[in-house]
Amino acid sequence: MLKKIIVHSADLLKILSDGEFHSGQALGQALDVSRASVWKTIQYLQKLGVVIYSVRGKGYRLKEPVELLSVREIKSHMSERALVCFANIDIRMATGSTNADIQVCDGGYSVCLAELQTAGKGRRGRVWFSPFAKNIAMSLLWQFPDSGVPLDGLSLCVGVAVARAIKTLGITNVALKWPNDLYCDGRKIAGILIEIKGELSGSVRVVIGIGVNVSMAVEDGVDIDQPWTALSAFCEEQVSRNRLTAEILNEMTAALCSYQSEGFGAFIDEWSAHDFLYGREVSLMIGNEAITGIAKGVNEHGALLVESTSGIRQYSGGEVTVRSVS
């Protein structure tokens, strides 16, 4: 029953996306289901967070237009190279974590997206929540055939690719915060989570989780414990999540292929040009040890350089937490 409701919900939203009222009877006829099924589908969508007005004598209407993700629409904007690398795209109405979902997907390169993500993972076990049809919550599966490819700077490479995609919207003030975040005007706008899985063949399978705040409203982020913003705050026109998803996949294809052959060295100059922390006083927690100093960029391996009274030292990701204190 739930599977049918999920299928009907996408079709129902397409009908309601015109912003007009539609009666339960008209919706039932359009979907070829009973009015009871229409009501159950409406209830399901409301539980996902979709605001649907119900007025006696008029029917149902969306509070605001909803652009659903579409495999066909995404692929229409993808490059030929990206279409080969990411041929398998799966879109889910709701899920806990796209990173968890894609790890059970068979095959080569894959993409998993969700309209609603309730238990996405951020750094150090934090939850990354993505409200229904307002953000991009996606995970990519990429296979490095050679286990000797150094992956220390991979998250920084991914950050550069996402920044390139965001710039296609005309947003030029994108900054990269070591090692996994993207900022606009000093507030987080996107995050990256990478999970590495070794294979018996010697190859390395990498799951790349990407979350981008596209049109999330203030009330959607009341539980977020850090300054954040959304792309819609910097764009006069509505941002198409389908178009932006395609741009991310295009840039990811180019970046990952370059990284595979050249490593992080191919990205260090571009990353440094967008370095959010450079010149700032920062505080790092490594285990129970607190380290403070001035951020001095990154080295050729993607490690953070911090200058303190003992000189400049390098720090890799993982157990390191960075917070600007100035």
Protein backbone atom coordinates (compact mmCIF):
# COMPACT_ATOMS: atom_id res chain seq x y z
CA MET A 1 0.00 0.00 0.00
CA LEU A 2 2.78 2.43 0.95
CA LYS A 3 4.56 1.85 -2.37
CA LYS A 4 1.41 2.84 -4.25
CA ILE A 5 1.03 5.96 -2.09
CA ILE A 6 4.63 6.95 -2.81
CA VAL A 7 4.07 6.54 -6.56
CA HIS A 8 0.80 8.49 -6.41
CA SER A 9 2.36 11.26 -4.32
CA ALA A 10 4.76 12.28 -7.09
CA ASP A 11 1.95 12.39 -9.67
CA LEU A 12 -0.32 14.26 -7.25
CA LEU A 13 2.34 16.91 -6.61
CA LYS A 14 2.78 17.42 -10.34
CA ILE A 15 -0.93 18.17 -10.63
CA LEU A 16 -0.94 20.52 -7.64
CA SER A 17 2.19 22.32 -8.80
CA ASP A 18 0.07 24.74 -10.85
CA GLY A 19 -0.94 26.46 -7.59
CA GLU A 20 -4.67 26.02 -8.22
CA PHE A 21 -7.29 24.18 -6.16
CA HIS A 22 -8.17 20.63 -7.28
CA SER A 23 -11.05 18.64 -5.84
CA GLY A 24 -10.54 15.18 -4.40
CA GLN A 25 -12.77 13.78 -7.12
CA ALA A 26 -10.74 15.45 -9.90
CA LEU A 27 -7.48 14.23 -8.39
CA GLY A 28 -8.88 10.71 -8.08
CA GLN A 29 -9.92 10.69 -11.74
CA ALA A 30 -6.53 12.03 -12.86
CA LEU A 31 -4.67 9.40 -10.82
CA ASP A 32 -7.23 6.66 -11.47
CA VAL A 33 -7.65 6.02 -7.74
CA SER A 34 -10.41 6.45 -5.18
CA ARG A 35 -10.94 9.65 -3.17
CA ALA A 36 -9.88 7.66 -0.10
CA SER A 37 -6.54 6.95 -1.79
CA VAL A 38 -6.18 10.63 -2.61
CA TRP A 39 -6.71 11.51 1.05
CA LYS A 40 -4.16 8.92 2.20
CA THR A 41 -1.65 10.34 -0.29
CA ILE A 42 -2.34 13.87 0.97
CA GLN A 43 -1.73 12.69 4.54
CA TYR A 44 1.53 11.00 3.52
CA LEU A 45 2.80 14.20 1.89
CA GLN A 46 1.81 16.28 4.90
CA LYS A 47 3.83 13.96 7.14
CA LEU A 48 6.82 14.62 4.87
CA GLY A 49 6.41 18.33 5.55
CA VAL A 50 4.57 19.42 2.40
CA VAL A 51 2.07 22.18 3.24
CA ILE A 52 -1.20 21.45 1.44
CA TYR A 53 -4.26 23.60 2.01
CA SER A 54 -7.63 21.86 2.19
CA VAL A 55 -10.73 24.00 1.68
CA ARG A 56 -14.25 22.55 1.73
CA GLY A 57 -15.91 22.99 -1.63
CA LYS A 58 -12.64 23.84 -3.39
CA GLY A 59 -10.29 20.93 -2.75
CA TYR A 60 -6.53 20.93 -2.25
CA ARG A 61 -3.80 23.41 -3.11
CA LEU A 62 -0.09 23.66 -2.40
CA LYS A 63 1.12 26.53 -0.24
CA GLU A 64 3.98 27.07 -2.70
CA PRO A 65 5.17 25.46 -5.95
CA VAL A 66 7.27 22.30 -5.63
CA GLU A 67 9.91 21.24 -8.14
CA LEU A 68 10.38 17.50 -7.80
CA LEU A 69 13.63 15.88 -8.82
CA SER A 70 13.41 14.10 -12.17
CA VAL A 71 15.88 11.65 -13.68
CA ARG A 72 14.86 12.75 -17.18
CA GLU A 73 15.27 16.45 -16.35
CA ILE A 74 18.62 15.94 -14.62
CA LYS A 75 20.02 13.88 -17.50
CA SER A 76 18.89 16.50 -20.04
CA HIS A 77 21.47 18.89 -18.53
CA MET A 78 24.30 16.39 -18.03
CA SER A 79 27.42 16.21 -20.19
CA GLU A 80 28.09 13.12 -22.28
CA ARG A 81 30.96 12.20 -19.98
CA ALA A 82 28.81 12.52 -16.87
CA LEU A 83 26.04 10.44 -18.45
CA VAL A 84 28.53 7.61 -18.89
CA CYS A 85 29.98 7.85 -15.37
CA PHE A 86 26.65 8.38 -13.61
CA ALA A 87 24.19 6.46 -15.77
CA ASN A 88 22.32 5.00 -12.80
CA ILE A 89 20.35 7.70 -10.93
CA ASP A 90 17.91 6.72 -8.19
CA ILE A 91 15.49 9.25 -6.67
CA ARG A 92 13.62 8.49 -3.44
CA MET A 93 10.72 10.41 -1.98
CA ALA A 94 12.02 9.91 1.58
CA THR A 95 14.92 8.11 3.18
CA GLY A 96 17.11 8.10 6.25
CA SER A 97 20.46 8.54 4.52
CA THR A 98 21.40 8.52 0.84
CA ASN A 99 24.94 7.49 1.83
CA ALA A 100 23.56 4.39 3.52
CA ASP A 101 21.22 3.64 0.59
CA ILE A 102 23.86 3.84 -2.12
CA GLN A 103 26.16 1.40 -0.35
CA VAL A 104 23.73 -1.42 -1.08
CA CYS A 105 23.49 -0.47 -4.76
CA ASP A 106 25.12 -2.89 -7.19
CA GLY A 107 27.10 -1.80 -10.22
CA GLY A 108 29.68 0.86 -11.02
CA TYR A 109 29.16 4.57 -10.59
CA SER A 110 25.76 5.47 -9.15
CA VAL A 111 23.79 8.41 -7.80
CA CYS A 112 21.16 8.40 -5.07
CA LEU A 113 19.01 11.44 -4.33
CA ALA A 114 16.19 12.00 -1.86
CA GLU A 115 13.42 14.57 -1.68
CA LEU A 116 13.47 14.17 2.10
CA GLN A 117 16.43 12.97 4.15
CA THR A 118 15.89 12.49 7.87
CA ALA A 119 19.12 10.91 9.12
CA GLY A 120 21.86 12.13 6.83
CA LYS A 121 25.30 12.04 8.42
CA GLY A 122 27.64 14.99 8.84
CA ARG A 123 31.10 15.07 10.34
CA ARG A 124 31.70 13.40 13.70
CA GLY A 125 28.28 11.72 13.67
CA ARG A 126 26.19 14.88 13.41
CA VAL A 127 22.80 14.60 11.69
CA TRP A 128 22.31 16.42 8.37
CA PHE A 129 18.56 17.00 7.95
CA SER A 130 17.18 17.96 4.55
CA PRO A 131 13.49 19.05 4.38
CA PHE A 132 11.21 17.87 1.60
CA ALA A 133 11.99 19.19 -1.91
CA LYS A 134 13.99 22.20 -0.70
CA ASN A 135 17.59 21.04 -0.76
CA ILE A 136 19.86 18.65 -2.60
CA ALA A 137 20.67 15.51 -0.62
CA MET A 138 22.71 13.22 -2.83
CA SER A 139 25.32 10.50 -2.68
CA LEU A 140 27.67 9.34 -5.41
CA LEU A 141 29.47 6.04 -5.76
CA TRP A 142 32.90 6.23 -7.39
CA GLN A 143 35.42 3.46 -7.93
CA PHE A 144 39.14 4.22 -7.97
CA PRO A 145 40.69 1.22 -9.78
CA ASP A 146 44.07 1.74 -8.11
CA SER A 147 44.25 1.54 -4.32
CA GLY A 148 47.46 3.58 -4.53
CA VAL A 149 45.57 6.79 -5.34
CA PRO A 150 46.12 9.11 -2.32
CA LEU A 151 42.73 10.15 -0.95
CA ASP A 152 43.85 12.68 1.66
CA GLY A 153 42.70 15.66 -0.41
CA LEU A 154 39.59 14.07 -1.94
CA SER A 155 37.07 16.00 0.18
CA LEU A 156 38.78 19.26 -0.85
CA CYS A 157 38.59 18.21 -4.51
CA VAL A 158 34.86 17.54 -4.09
CA GLY A 159 34.46 20.96 -2.48
CA VAL A 160 36.03 22.61 -5.51
CA ALA A 161 33.66 20.72 -7.83
CA VAL A 162 30.56 21.76 -5.83
CA ALA A 163 31.78 25.37 -5.73
CA ARG A 164 32.16 25.33 -9.52
CA ALA A 165 28.59 24.08 -9.88
CA ILE A 166 27.22 26.75 -7.54
CA LYS A 167 29.04 29.42 -9.54
CA THR A 168 26.99 28.48 -12.62
CA LEU A 169 24.08 30.16 -10.79
CA GLY A 170 25.96 33.46 -10.83
CA ILE A 171 26.94 33.17 -7.16
CA THR A 172 30.56 34.30 -6.89
CA ASN A 173 31.09 34.59 -3.12
CA VAL A 174 31.53 30.85 -2.45
CA ALA A 175 34.19 29.96 0.12
CA LEU A 176 35.65 26.57 1.07
CA LYS A 177 36.06 25.79 4.76
CA TRP A 178 38.55 23.00 5.45
CA PRO A 179 37.91 20.15 5.09
CA ASN A 180 34.25 19.54 4.17
CA ASP A 181 32.12 22.69 4.08
CA LEU A 182 31.13 25.45 1.66
CA TYR A 183 30.18 28.91 2.87
CA CYS A 184 28.51 32.03 1.48
CA ASP A 185 28.74 35.32 3.39
CA GLY A 186 30.21 33.53 6.40
CA ARG A 187 27.40 30.97 6.67
CA LYS A 188 27.35 27.30 5.73
CA ILE A 189 25.59 26.51 2.48
CA ALA A 190 26.79 22.97 1.71
CA GLY A 191 28.56 20.04 3.31
CA ILE A 192 30.46 16.95 2.18
CA LEU A 193 30.89 13.53 3.78
CA ILE A 194 33.19 10.89 2.29
CA GLU A 195 33.25 7.23 3.26
CA ILE A 196 35.96 4.95 1.86
CA LYS A 197 35.42 1.24 1.31
CA GLY A 198 38.33 -1.01 0.31
CA GLU A 199 37.76 -3.82 -2.18
CA LEU A 200 39.43 -7.26 -2.35
CA SER A 201 40.56 -6.48 -5.88
CA GLY A 202 42.77 -3.66 -4.62
CA SER A 203 40.45 -0.96 -5.94
CA VAL A 204 38.82 1.59 -3.64
CA ARG A 205 35.12 2.38 -3.59
CA VAL A 206 34.26 5.85 -2.34
CA VAL A 207 30.82 7.07 -1.23
CA ILE A 208 30.55 10.84 -1.55
CA GLY A 209 27.68 12.51 0.26
CA ILE A 210 26.79 16.07 -0.75
CA GLY A 211 24.18 18.28 0.90
CA VAL A 212 23.32 21.71 -0.52
CA ASN A 213 20.86 24.18 1.00
CA VAL A 214 18.85 25.38 -2.00
CA SER A 215 15.63 27.01 -0.78
CA MET A 216 15.38 25.94 2.87
CA ALA A 217 13.33 28.43 4.89
CA VAL A 218 14.27 29.84 8.29
CA GLU A 219 11.69 27.69 10.07
CA ASP A 220 13.20 24.57 8.49
CA GLY A 221 16.55 25.14 10.15
CA VAL A 222 15.62 26.11 13.70
CA ASP A 223 17.51 23.13 15.13
CA ILE A 224 20.74 23.76 13.21
CA ASP A 225 23.50 24.71 15.67
CA GLN A 226 25.60 26.89 13.34
CA PRO A 227 25.06 29.86 11.00
CA TRP A 228 23.62 28.68 7.69
CA THR A 229 22.11 30.06 4.52
CA ALA A 230 20.56 28.85 1.25
CA LEU A 231 21.27 29.52 -2.41
CA SER A 232 17.86 31.17 -2.82
CA ALA A 233 19.13 34.07 -0.69
CA PHE A 234 21.60 34.95 -3.44
CA CYS A 235 19.45 34.37 -6.54
CA GLU A 236 16.63 36.51 -7.87
CA GLU A 237 15.08 33.60 -9.76
CA GLN A 238 14.08 30.23 -8.35
CA VAL A 239 16.98 27.79 -8.33
CA SER A 240 16.23 24.59 -10.24
CA ARG A 241 17.38 21.63 -8.16
CA ASN A 242 17.35 19.44 -11.27
CA ARG A 243 19.64 21.80 -13.17
CA LEU A 244 21.97 22.26 -10.18
CA THR A 245 22.14 18.50 -9.59
CA ALA A 246 23.19 18.03 -13.21
CA GLU A 247 25.85 20.75 -12.88
CA ILE A 248 27.22 19.07 -9.75
CA LEU A 249 27.42 15.73 -11.56
CA ASN A 250 29.14 17.37 -14.53
CA GLU A 251 31.72 19.04 -12.31
CA MET A 252 32.17 15.94 -10.17
CA THR A 253 32.90 13.84 -13.26
CA ALA A 254 35.61 16.21 -14.45
CA ALA A 255 37.09 16.69 -10.97
CA LEU A 256 37.20 13.02 -10.00
CA CYS A 257 38.80 12.00 -13.29
CA SER A 258 41.46 14.71 -12.81
CA TYR A 259 41.99 13.70 -9.20
CA GLN A 260 42.43 10.09 -10.22
CA SER A 261 45.30 10.98 -12.56
CA GLU A 262 46.83 14.07 -10.92
CA GLY A 263 45.84 14.01 -7.24
CA PHE A 264 45.03 17.08 -5.16
CA GLY A 265 47.87 19.03 -6.75
CA ALA A 266 45.58 19.81 -9.68
CA PHE A 267 43.18 21.65 -7.34
CA ILE A 268 45.35 23.33 -4.73
CA ASP A 269 45.48 26.75 -6.42
CA GLU A 270 41.72 26.90 -6.97
CA TRP A 271 41.00 25.67 -3.45
CA SER A 272 43.39 28.22 -1.96
CA ALA A 273 41.67 31.03 -3.87
CA HIS A 274 38.45 30.20 -1.98
CA ASP A 275 40.00 29.38 1.41
CA PHE A 276 37.58 30.56 4.12
CA LEU A 277 40.00 30.07 7.02
CA TYR A 278 43.19 31.55 5.59
CA GLY A 279 44.64 34.20 7.90
CA ARG A 280 42.06 33.56 10.62
CA GLU A 281 42.78 32.46 14.14
CA VAL A 282 41.49 28.92 14.49
CA SER A 283 41.02 26.37 17.22
CA LEU A 284 41.57 22.67 16.58
CA MET A 285 40.55 19.82 18.83
CA ILE A 286 42.62 16.67 18.35
CA GLY A 287 41.33 14.18 20.87
CA ASN A 288 41.42 16.09 24.14
CA GLU A 289 44.18 18.43 22.98
CA ALA A 290 43.30 21.99 21.98
CA ILE A 291 45.52 23.75 19.46
CA THR A 292 45.21 27.40 18.46
CA GLY A 293 46.98 29.32 15.75
CA ILE A 294 46.60 31.12 12.43
CA ALA A 295 45.38 29.15 9.41
CA LYS A 296 47.94 29.25 6.60
CA GLY A 297 46.17 27.32 3.88
CA VAL A 298 46.73 23.72 2.85
CA ASN A 299 49.65 21.70 1.49
CA GLU A 300 49.83 19.53 -1.64
CA HIS A 301 48.16 16.65 0.22
CA GLY A 302 45.19 18.70 1.47
CA ALA A 303 46.40 18.94 5.07
CA LEU A 304 45.61 22.13 6.98
CA LEU A 305 48.59 24.34 7.84
CA VAL A 306 48.44 26.16 11.18
CA GLU A 307 51.02 28.63 12.45
CA SER A 308 51.55 28.84 16.20
CA THR A 309 54.41 29.80 18.53
CA SER A 310 56.10 26.50 17.64
CA GLY A 311 56.03 27.23 13.90
CA ILE A 312 53.83 25.93 11.07
CA ARG A 313 52.47 22.42 11.48
CA GLN A 314 50.16 20.35 9.28
CA TYR A 315 46.99 18.57 10.35
CA SER A 316 44.95 16.01 8.43
CA GLY A 317 41.21 15.43 8.58
CA GLY A 318 39.28 12.87 10.58
CA GLU A 319 39.65 13.55 14.28
CA VAL A 320 40.38 17.26 13.75
CA THR A 321 37.65 19.83 14.37
CA VAL A 322 38.16 23.39 13.18
CA ARG A 323 36.28 26.46 14.38
CA SER A 324 37.07 30.04 13.53
CA VAL A 325 37.40 32.10 16.72
CA SER A 326 37.78 35.51 15.13
